[in-house]
Protein backbone atom coordinates (compact mmCIF):
# COMPACT_ATOMS: atom_id res chain seq x y z
CA MET A 1 -38.64 -29.47 -2.06
CA GLY A 2 -39.47 -26.32 -2.16
CA GLY A 3 -36.37 -25.98 0.89
CA THR A 4 -34.19 -27.73 -1.36
CA ARG A 5 -35.07 -25.35 -4.18
CA LEU A 6 -34.07 -22.08 -2.22
CA ALA A 7 -31.10 -23.54 -0.40
CA ALA A 8 -29.48 -24.50 -3.82
CA ALA A 9 -30.41 -20.80 -5.23
CA ALA A 10 -28.88 -19.51 -2.03
CA VAL A 11 -25.75 -21.69 -2.29
CA VAL A 12 -25.34 -20.58 -6.08
CA LEU A 13 -26.14 -17.02 -5.20
CA LEU A 14 -23.17 -17.19 -2.56
CA VAL A 15 -20.20 -18.88 -4.95
CA LEU A 16 -21.30 -16.33 -7.22
CA GLY A 17 -20.24 -13.18 -4.88
CA VAL A 18 -17.39 -14.89 -3.62
CA VAL A 19 -16.32 -14.93 -7.26
CA LEU A 20 -17.47 -11.96 -8.38
CA LEU A 21 -15.84 -10.04 -5.46
CA GLY A 22 -12.11 -12.33 -5.65
CA ALA A 23 -12.44 -10.99 -9.45
CA GLY A 24 -12.75 -7.56 -8.01
CA GLY A 25 -10.72 -7.71 -5.37
CA GLY A 26 -7.00 -8.05 -6.47
CA ASN A 27 -6.36 -4.17 -6.23
CA LEU A 28 -6.98 -4.43 -2.63
CA ILE A 29 -3.03 -5.79 -1.82
CA ALA A 30 -1.92 -4.17 1.42
CA LYS A 31 1.85 -3.00 1.38
CA ALA A 32 3.63 -4.00 4.26
CA CYS A 33 4.97 -0.97 6.37
CA PRO A 34 8.18 -1.42 8.60
CA LEU A 35 7.73 0.25 11.89
CA TYR A 36 11.48 1.85 12.10
CA CYS A 37 12.66 5.56 11.38
CA LEU A 38 16.13 6.19 9.71
CA ASP A 39 18.02 9.05 11.13
CA VAL A 40 17.10 11.20 8.52
CA ASP A 41 18.57 15.21 8.31
CA TYR A 42 16.16 16.24 5.17
CA MET A 43 14.20 14.67 2.22
CA THR A 44 14.53 15.63 -1.37
CA CYS A 45 12.10 14.83 -4.18
CA GLU A 46 11.91 15.04 -8.09
CA SER A 47 8.60 17.07 -7.64
CA SER A 48 10.03 19.90 -5.48
CA GLY A 49 13.68 20.03 -7.09
CA ASP A 50 16.54 20.57 -4.71
CA LYS A 51 14.42 22.05 -1.94
CA LYS A 52 14.81 20.47 1.32
CA LEU A 53 11.46 18.71 2.78
CA ASN A 54 10.65 17.45 5.87
CA SER A 55 11.98 13.90 6.38
CA ALA A 56 9.83 11.15 6.81
CA CYS A 57 10.89 7.96 8.60
CA ASN A 58 11.58 5.56 5.69
CA CYS A 59 10.26 5.11 2.05
CA CYS A 60 7.65 3.18 3.35
CA LEU A 61 6.21 6.37 4.63
CA ALA A 62 7.96 8.89 1.97
CA PRO A 63 6.60 9.57 -1.76
CA GLU A 64 7.78 7.95 -4.48
CA ASN A 65 10.70 9.45 -6.16
CA CYS A 66 12.30 10.90 -3.24
CA THR A 67 15.33 10.70 -1.75
CA LEU A 68 16.11 10.67 1.82
CA HIS A 69 19.46 12.17 3.39
CA LEU A 70 20.67 10.44 6.28
CA ALA A 71 22.24 12.33 8.91
CA ASP A 72 25.32 10.35 8.43
CA GLY A 73 25.85 11.80 4.84
CA ARG A 74 24.24 8.45 2.98
CA THR A 75 20.90 8.61 0.79
CA VAL A 76 18.37 6.09 0.19
CA GLN A 77 16.10 6.90 -3.07
CA CYS A 78 12.39 6.08 -2.47
């Protein structure tokens, strides 16, 4: 009888832990980042004005509100 109560208490604690971890883990969603590089000449960001910054391979690796300036003259807004 004591073993049954102990097992039931363990199951209740396990279920409670899963529920609590699931409720708090919503912010742990990973962002998929493609592994390819664009032919980027330079990068500009709103926070740096018109200063030409070292380029990132793609928007996944660049900060938000930055623009990738490609070698062929096109731009990609991140």
